[in-house]
Amino acid sequence: EDLPLNDLAPIEDLLDHVYELRLAASTPS
């Protein structure tokens, strides 16, 4: 329940994370 703020990654890491999730969800040949 308690998330220390100094444990956070930079907000820019969200961009890479979303891209990786999209890539994992896709099923291209």
PDB file of all heavy atoms in Angstrom:
ATOM      1  N   GLU A   1       0.817  -1.212   0.000  1.00  0.00           N
ATOM      2  CA  GLU A   1       0.000   0.000   0.000  1.00  0.00           C
ATOM      3  C   GLU A   1       0.847   1.256   0.000  1.00  0.00           C
ATOM      4  O   GLU A   1       0.453   2.272  -0.592  1.00  0.00           O
ATOM      5  CB  GLU A   1      -0.938   0.006   1.208  1.00  0.00           C
ATOM      6  CG  GLU A   1      -2.084  -0.982   1.099  1.00  0.00           C
ATOM      7  CD  GLU A   1      -3.129  -0.769   2.174  1.00  0.00           C
ATOM      8  OE1 GLU A   1      -3.823   0.268   2.121  1.00  0.00           O
ATOM      9  OE2 GLU A   1      -3.232  -1.620   3.065  1.00  0.00           O
ATOM     10  N   ASP A   2       1.998   1.236   0.659  1.00  0.00           N
ATOM     11  CA  ASP A   2       2.873   2.401   0.712  1.00  0.00           C
ATOM     12  C   ASP A   2       3.963   2.274  -0.344  1.00  0.00           C
ATOM     13  O   ASP A   2       4.824   1.385  -0.267  1.00  0.00           O
ATOM     14  CB  ASP A   2       3.512   2.540   2.098  1.00  0.00           C
ATOM     15  CG  ASP A   2       2.538   3.109   3.113  1.00  0.00           C
ATOM     16  OD1 ASP A   2       1.658   3.887   2.706  1.00  0.00           O
ATOM     17  OD2 ASP A   2       2.655   2.763   4.298  1.00  0.00           O
ATOM     18  N   LEU A   3       3.928   3.168  -1.320  1.00  0.00           N
ATOM     19  CA  LEU A   3       4.931   3.188  -2.377  1.00  0.00           C
ATOM     20  C   LEU A   3       5.864   4.374  -2.149  1.00  0.00           C
ATOM     21  O   LEU A   3       5.448   5.533  -2.295  1.00  0.00           O
ATOM     22  CB  LEU A   3       4.248   3.311  -3.747  1.00  0.00           C
ATOM     23  CG  LEU A   3       5.168   3.534  -4.953  1.00  0.00           C
ATOM     24  CD1 LEU A   3       6.087   2.337  -5.151  1.00  0.00           C
ATOM     25  CD2 LEU A   3       4.338   3.802  -6.203  1.00  0.00           C
ATOM     26  N   PRO A   4       7.122   4.143  -1.757  1.00  0.00           N
ATOM     27  CA  PRO A   4       8.057   5.258  -1.571  1.00  0.00           C
ATOM     28  C   PRO A   4       8.289   5.993  -2.892  1.00  0.00           C
ATOM     29  O   PRO A   4       8.566   5.365  -3.916  1.00  0.00           O
ATOM     30  CB  PRO A   4       9.339   4.573  -1.075  1.00  0.00           C
ATOM     31  CG  PRO A   4       8.893   3.232  -0.576  1.00  0.00           C
ATOM     32  CD  PRO A   4       7.729   2.842  -1.424  1.00  0.00           C
ATOM     33  N   LEU A   5       8.199   7.301  -2.854  1.00  0.00           N
ATOM     34  CA  LEU A   5       8.350   8.071  -4.085  1.00  0.00           C
ATOM     35  C   LEU A   5       9.759   7.960  -4.656  1.00  0.00           C
ATOM     36  O   LEU A   5       9.949   8.092  -5.869  1.00  0.00           O
ATOM     37  CB  LEU A   5       7.985   9.536  -3.832  1.00  0.00           C
ATOM     38  CG  LEU A   5       6.539   9.794  -3.371  1.00  0.00           C
ATOM     39  CD1 LEU A   5       6.261  11.283  -3.310  1.00  0.00           C
ATOM     40  CD2 LEU A   5       5.533   9.097  -4.293  1.00  0.00           C
ATOM     41  N   ASN A   6      10.752   7.733  -3.783  1.00  0.00           N
ATOM     42  CA  ASN A   6      12.111   7.624  -4.311  1.00  0.00           C
ATOM     43  C   ASN A   6      12.384   6.262  -4.956  1.00  0.00           C
ATOM     44  O   ASN A   6      13.486   6.011  -5.435  1.00  0.00           O
ATOM     45  CB  ASN A   6      13.165   7.927  -3.247  1.00  0.00           C
ATOM     46  CG  ASN A   6      13.051   7.017  -2.040  1.00  0.00           C
ATOM     47  OD1 ASN A   6      12.323   6.041  -2.060  1.00  0.00           O
ATOM     48  ND2 ASN A   6      13.767   7.357  -0.983  1.00  0.00           N
ATOM     49  N   ASP A   7      11.369   5.380  -4.976  1.00  0.00           N
ATOM     50  CA  ASP A   7      11.489   4.114  -5.706  1.00  0.00           C
ATOM     51  C   ASP A   7      10.977   4.225  -7.142  1.00  0.00           C
ATOM     52  O   ASP A   7      11.088   3.261  -7.905  1.00  0.00           O
ATOM     53  CB  ASP A   7      10.709   3.006  -4.992  1.00  0.00           C
ATOM     54  CG  ASP A   7      11.421   2.498  -3.749  1.00  0.00           C
ATOM     55  OD1 ASP A   7      12.603   2.877  -3.556  1.00  0.00           O
ATOM     56  OD2 ASP A   7      10.807   1.750  -2.976  1.00  0.00           O
ATOM     57  N   LEU A   8      10.417   5.368  -7.503  1.00  0.00           N
ATOM     58  CA  LEU A   8       9.825   5.522  -8.823  1.00  0.00           C
ATOM     59  C   LEU A   8      10.896   5.641  -9.913  1.00  0.00           C
ATOM     60  O   LEU A   8      11.940   6.258  -9.704  1.00  0.00           O
ATOM     61  CB  LEU A   8       8.933   6.757  -8.872  1.00  0.00           C
ATOM     62  CG  LEU A   8       7.664   6.736  -8.012  1.00  0.00           C
ATOM     63  CD1 LEU A   8       7.006   8.104  -8.028  1.00  0.00           C
ATOM     64  CD2 LEU A   8       6.699   5.658  -8.504  1.00  0.00           C
ATOM     65  N   ALA A   9      10.600   5.069 -11.052  1.00  0.00           N
ATOM     66  CA  ALA A   9      11.420   5.286 -12.242  1.00  0.00           C
ATOM     67  C   ALA A   9      10.967   6.585 -12.910  1.00  0.00           C
ATOM     68  O   ALA A   9       9.863   7.065 -12.665  1.00  0.00           O
ATOM     69  CB  ALA A   9      11.262   4.114 -13.209  1.00  0.00           C
ATOM     70  N   PRO A  10      11.800   7.178 -13.759  1.00  0.00           N
ATOM     71  CA  PRO A  10      11.389   8.405 -14.456  1.00  0.00           C
ATOM     72  C   PRO A  10      10.117   8.184 -15.267  1.00  0.00           C
ATOM     73  O   PRO A  10       9.868   7.084 -15.779  1.00  0.00           O
ATOM     74  CB  PRO A  10      12.584   8.715 -15.370  1.00  0.00           C
ATOM     75  CG  PRO A  10      13.735   8.001 -14.746  1.00  0.00           C
ATOM     76  CD  PRO A  10      13.177   6.781 -14.109  1.00  0.00           C
ATOM     77  N   ILE A  11       9.316   9.222 -15.397  1.00  0.00           N
ATOM     78  CA  ILE A  11       8.057   9.103 -16.124  1.00  0.00           C
ATOM     79  C   ILE A  11       8.300   8.684 -17.571  1.00  0.00           C
ATOM     80  O   ILE A  11       7.454   8.032 -18.194  1.00  0.00           O
ATOM     81  CB  ILE A  11       7.266  10.434 -16.056  1.00  0.00           C
ATOM     82  CG1 ILE A  11       5.863  10.266 -16.642  1.00  0.00           C
ATOM     83  CG2 ILE A  11       8.013  11.557 -16.740  1.00  0.00           C
ATOM     84  CD1 ILE A  11       4.999   9.263 -15.908  1.00  0.00           C
ATOM     85  N   GLU A  12       9.463   9.029 -18.133  1.00  0.00           N
ATOM     86  CA  GLU A  12       9.766   8.643 -19.511  1.00  0.00           C
ATOM     87  C   GLU A  12       9.803   7.130 -19.705  1.00  0.00           C
ATOM     88  O   GLU A  12       9.610   6.638 -20.826  1.00  0.00           O
ATOM     89  CB  GLU A  12      11.112   9.239 -19.944  1.00  0.00           C
ATOM     90  CG  GLU A  12      11.126  10.757 -20.054  1.00  0.00           C
ATOM     91  CD  GLU A  12      11.288  11.442 -18.710  1.00  0.00           C
ATOM     92  OE1 GLU A  12      11.588  10.741 -17.704  1.00  0.00           O
ATOM     93  OE2 GLU A  12      11.116  12.676 -18.658  1.00  0.00           O
ATOM     94  N   ASP A  13      10.039   6.384 -18.621  1.00  0.00           N
ATOM     95  CA  ASP A  13      10.050   4.914 -18.728  1.00  0.00           C
ATOM     96  C   ASP A  13       8.678   4.364 -19.111  1.00  0.00           C
ATOM     97  O   ASP A  13       8.572   3.229 -19.603  1.00  0.00           O
ATOM     98  CB  ASP A  13      10.500   4.286 -17.407  1.00  0.00           C
ATOM     99  CG  ASP A  13      12.009   4.394 -17.194  1.00  0.00           C
ATOM    100  OD1 ASP A  13      12.647   5.211 -17.899  1.00  0.00           O
ATOM    101  OD2 ASP A  13      12.551   3.691 -16.329  1.00  0.00           O
ATOM    102  N   LEU A  14       7.638   5.158 -18.865  1.00  0.00           N
ATOM    103  CA  LEU A  14       6.293   4.724 -19.239  1.00  0.00           C
ATOM    104  C   LEU A  14       6.200   4.482 -20.740  1.00  0.00           C
ATOM    105  O   LEU A  14       5.525   3.548 -21.187  1.00  0.00           O
ATOM    106  CB  LEU A  14       5.265   5.775 -18.812  1.00  0.00           C
ATOM    107  CG  LEU A  14       3.816   5.559 -19.295  1.00  0.00           C
ATOM    108  CD1 LEU A  14       3.243   4.276 -18.723  1.00  0.00           C
ATOM    109  CD2 LEU A  14       2.954   6.760 -18.928  1.00  0.00           C
ATOM    110  N   LEU A  15       6.858   5.303 -21.547  1.00  0.00           N
ATOM    111  CA  LEU A  15       6.791   5.182 -23.001  1.00  0.00           C
ATOM    112  C   LEU A  15       7.334   3.833 -23.464  1.00  0.00           C
ATOM    113  O   LEU A  15       6.706   3.134 -24.269  1.00  0.00           O
ATOM    114  CB  LEU A  15       7.554   6.330 -23.662  1.00  0.00           C
ATOM    115  CG  LEU A  15       7.181   7.744 -23.224  1.00  0.00           C
ATOM    116  CD1 LEU A  15       8.026   8.767 -23.975  1.00  0.00           C
ATOM    117  CD2 LEU A  15       5.702   8.014 -23.433  1.00  0.00           C
ATOM    118  N   ASP A  16       8.509   3.452 -22.949  1.00  0.00           N
ATOM    119  CA  ASP A  16       9.089   2.166 -23.315  1.00  0.00           C
ATOM    120  C   ASP A  16       8.213   1.016 -22.841  1.00  0.00           C
ATOM    121  O   ASP A  16       8.051  -0.002 -23.532  1.00  0.00           O
ATOM    122  CB  ASP A  16      10.492   2.025 -22.723  1.00  0.00           C
ATOM    123  CG  ASP A  16      11.492   2.976 -23.351  1.00  0.00           C
ATOM    124  OD1 ASP A  16      11.275   3.389 -24.500  1.00  0.00           O
ATOM    125  OD2 ASP A  16      12.482   3.320 -22.684  1.00  0.00           O
ATOM    126  N   HIS A  17       7.643   1.163 -21.642  1.00  0.00           N
ATOM    127  CA  HIS A  17       6.806   0.108 -21.068  1.00  0.00           C
ATOM    128  C   HIS A  17       5.560  -0.130 -21.925  1.00  0.00           C
ATOM    129  O   HIS A  17       5.214  -1.284 -22.216  1.00  0.00           O
ATOM    130  CB  HIS A  17       6.415   0.497 -19.649  1.00  0.00           C
ATOM    131  CG  HIS A  17       5.616  -0.544 -18.928  1.00  0.00           C
ATOM    132  ND1 HIS A  17       6.129  -1.784 -18.599  1.00  0.00           N
ATOM    133  CD2 HIS A  17       4.328  -0.525 -18.468  1.00  0.00           C
ATOM    134  CE1 HIS A  17       5.194  -2.492 -17.961  1.00  0.00           C
ATOM    135  NE2 HIS A  17       4.103  -1.753 -17.884  1.00  0.00           N
ATOM    136  N   VAL A  18       4.906   0.951 -22.353  1.00  0.00           N
ATOM    137  CA  VAL A  18       3.709   0.818 -23.178  1.00  0.00           C
ATOM    138  C   VAL A  18       4.055   0.174 -24.517  1.00  0.00           C
ATOM    139  O   VAL A  18       3.335  -0.697 -25.018  1.00  0.00           O
ATOM    140  CB  VAL A  18       3.038   2.189 -23.382  1.00  0.00           C
ATOM    141  CG1 VAL A  18       1.953   2.113 -24.456  1.00  0.00           C
ATOM    142  CG2 VAL A  18       2.438   2.682 -22.074  1.00  0.00           C
ATOM    143  N   TYR A  19       5.180   0.578 -25.104  1.00  0.00           N
ATOM    144  CA  TYR A  19       5.589  -0.014 -26.374  1.00  0.00           C
ATOM    145  C   TYR A  19       5.836  -1.516 -26.228  1.00  0.00           C
ATOM    146  O   TYR A  19       5.415  -2.315 -27.067  1.00  0.00           O
ATOM    147  CB  TYR A  19       6.839   0.680 -26.908  1.00  0.00           C
ATOM    148  CG  TYR A  19       7.469  -0.071 -28.062  1.00  0.00           C
ATOM    149  CD1 TYR A  19       6.802  -0.187 -29.283  1.00  0.00           C
ATOM    150  CD2 TYR A  19       8.706  -0.691 -27.916  1.00  0.00           C
ATOM    151  CE1 TYR A  19       7.357  -0.894 -30.336  1.00  0.00           C
ATOM    152  CE2 TYR A  19       9.266  -1.394 -28.973  1.00  0.00           C
ATOM    153  CZ  TYR A  19       8.595  -1.491 -30.176  1.00  0.00           C
ATOM    154  OH  TYR A  19       9.135  -2.192 -31.208  1.00  0.00           O
ATOM    155  N   GLU A  20       6.523  -1.920 -25.156  1.00  0.00           N
ATOM    156  CA  GLU A  20       6.801  -3.340 -24.941  1.00  0.00           C
ATOM    157  C   GLU A  20       5.512  -4.137 -24.759  1.00  0.00           C
ATOM    158  O   GLU A  20       5.387  -5.263 -25.254  1.00  0.00           O
ATOM    159  CB  GLU A  20       7.705  -3.503 -23.722  1.00  0.00           C
ATOM    160  CG  GLU A  20       9.133  -3.004 -23.958  1.00  0.00           C
ATOM    161  CD  GLU A  20       9.948  -2.938 -22.684  1.00  0.00           C
ATOM    162  OE1 GLU A  20       9.384  -3.283 -21.616  1.00  0.00           O
ATOM    163  OE2 GLU A  20      11.117  -2.545 -22.733  1.00  0.00           O
ATOM    164  N   LEU A  21       4.535  -3.561 -24.051  1.00  0.00           N
ATOM    165  CA  LEU A  21       3.260  -4.251 -23.861  1.00  0.00           C
ATOM    166  C   LEU A  21       2.511  -4.394 -25.179  1.00  0.00           C
ATOM    167  O   LEU A  21       1.891  -5.427 -25.442  1.00  0.00           O
ATOM    168  CB  LEU A  21       2.401  -3.492 -22.850  1.00  0.00           C
ATOM    169  CG  LEU A  21       2.889  -3.539 -21.397  1.00  0.00           C
ATOM    170  CD1 LEU A  21       2.037  -2.621 -20.521  1.00  0.00           C
ATOM    171  CD2 LEU A  21       2.851  -4.967 -20.851  1.00  0.00           C
ATOM    172  N   ARG A  22       2.543  -3.340 -26.002  1.00  0.00           N
ATOM    173  CA  ARG A  22       1.895  -3.423 -27.308  1.00  0.00           C
ATOM    174  C   ARG A  22       2.550  -4.491 -28.172  1.00  0.00           C
ATOM    175  O   ARG A  22       1.879  -5.247 -28.878  1.00  0.00           O
ATOM    176  CB  ARG A  22       1.996  -2.069 -28.009  1.00  0.00           C
ATOM    177  CG  ARG A  22       0.755  -1.235 -27.812  1.00  0.00           C
ATOM    178  CD  ARG A  22       0.523  -0.292 -28.945  1.00  0.00           C
ATOM    179  NE  ARG A  22      -0.395   0.713 -28.440  1.00  0.00           N
ATOM    180  CZ  ARG A  22      -0.047   1.940 -28.145  1.00  0.00           C
ATOM    181  NH1 ARG A  22       1.187   2.340 -28.338  1.00  0.00           N
ATOM    182  NH2 ARG A  22      -0.922   2.777 -27.658  1.00  0.00           N
ATOM    183  N   LEU A  23       3.854  -4.542 -28.132  1.00  0.00           N
ATOM    184  CA  LEU A  23       4.582  -5.519 -28.937  1.00  0.00           C
ATOM    185  C   LEU A  23       4.253  -6.934 -28.478  1.00  0.00           C
ATOM    186  O   LEU A  23       4.075  -7.840 -29.286  1.00  0.00           O
ATOM    187  CB  LEU A  23       6.082  -5.258 -28.826  1.00  0.00           C
ATOM    188  CG  LEU A  23       6.983  -5.832 -29.914  1.00  0.00           C
ATOM    189  CD1 LEU A  23       6.599  -5.268 -31.279  1.00  0.00           C
ATOM    190  CD2 LEU A  23       8.431  -5.552 -29.604  1.00  0.00           C
ATOM    191  N   ALA A  24       4.140  -7.120 -27.149  1.00  0.00           N
ATOM    192  CA  ALA A  24       3.822  -8.445 -26.610  1.00  0.00           C
ATOM    193  C   ALA A  24       2.399  -8.862 -26.943  1.00  0.00           C
ATOM    194  O   ALA A  24       2.116 -10.051 -27.132  1.00  0.00           O
ATOM    195  CB  ALA A  24       4.032  -8.452 -25.100  1.00  0.00           C
ATOM    196  N   ALA A  25       1.485  -7.885 -27.018  1.00  0.00           N
ATOM    197  CA  ALA A  25       0.079  -8.204 -27.280  1.00  0.00           C
ATOM    198  C   ALA A  25      -0.188  -8.478 -28.750  1.00  0.00           C
ATOM    199  O   ALA A  25      -1.174  -9.134 -29.088  1.00  0.00           O
ATOM    200  CB  ALA A  25      -0.812  -7.061 -26.807  1.00  0.00           C
ATOM    201  N   SER A  26       0.669  -7.969 -29.625  1.00  0.00           N
ATOM    202  CA  SER A  26       0.460  -8.156 -31.055  1.00  0.00           C
ATOM    203  C   SER A  26       0.870  -9.565 -31.448  1.00  0.00           C
ATOM    204  O   SER A  26       1.655 -10.220 -30.770  1.00  0.00           O
ATOM    205  CB  SER A  26       1.247  -7.127 -31.855  1.00  0.00           C
ATOM    206  OG  SER A  26       2.634  -7.320 -31.684  1.00  0.00           O
ATOM    207  N   THR A  27       0.336 -10.031 -32.593  1.00  0.00           N
ATOM    208  CA  THR A  27       0.659 -11.371 -33.079  1.00  0.00           C
ATOM    209  C   THR A  27       1.029 -11.337 -34.552  1.00  0.00           C
ATOM    210  O   THR A  27       0.455 -12.048 -35.364  1.00  0.00           O
ATOM    211  CB  THR A  27      -0.531 -12.321 -32.875  1.00  0.00           C
ATOM    212  OG1 THR A  27      -1.689 -11.746 -33.522  1.00  0.00           O
ATOM    213  CG2 THR A  27      -0.817 -12.548 -31.426  1.00  0.00           C
ATOM    214  N   PRO A  28       1.976 -10.510 -34.933  1.00  0.00           N
ATOM    215  CA  PRO A  28       2.366 -10.475 -36.343  1.00  0.00           C
ATOM    216  C   PRO A  28       3.161 -11.721 -36.724  1.00  0.00           C
ATOM    217  O   PRO A  28       3.856 -12.299 -35.900  1.00  0.00           O
ATOM    218  CB  PRO A  28       3.243  -9.231 -36.443  1.00  0.00           C
ATOM    219  CG  PRO A  28       3.849  -9.107 -35.078  1.00  0.00           C
ATOM    220  CD  PRO A  28       2.783  -9.591 -34.123  1.00  0.00           C
ATOM    221  N   SER A  29       3.053 -12.112 -37.984  1.00  0.00           N
ATOM    222  CA  SER A  29       3.882 -13.213 -38.450  1.00  0.00           C
ATOM    223  C   SER A  29       5.307 -12.747 -38.656  1.00  0.00           C
ATOM    224  O   SER A  29       6.239 -13.521 -38.562  1.00  0.00           O
ATOM    225  CB  SER A  29       3.325 -13.779 -39.745  1.00  0.00           C
ATOM    226  OG  SER A  29       3.303 -12.785 -40.746  1.00  0.00           O
TER     227      SER A  29
END
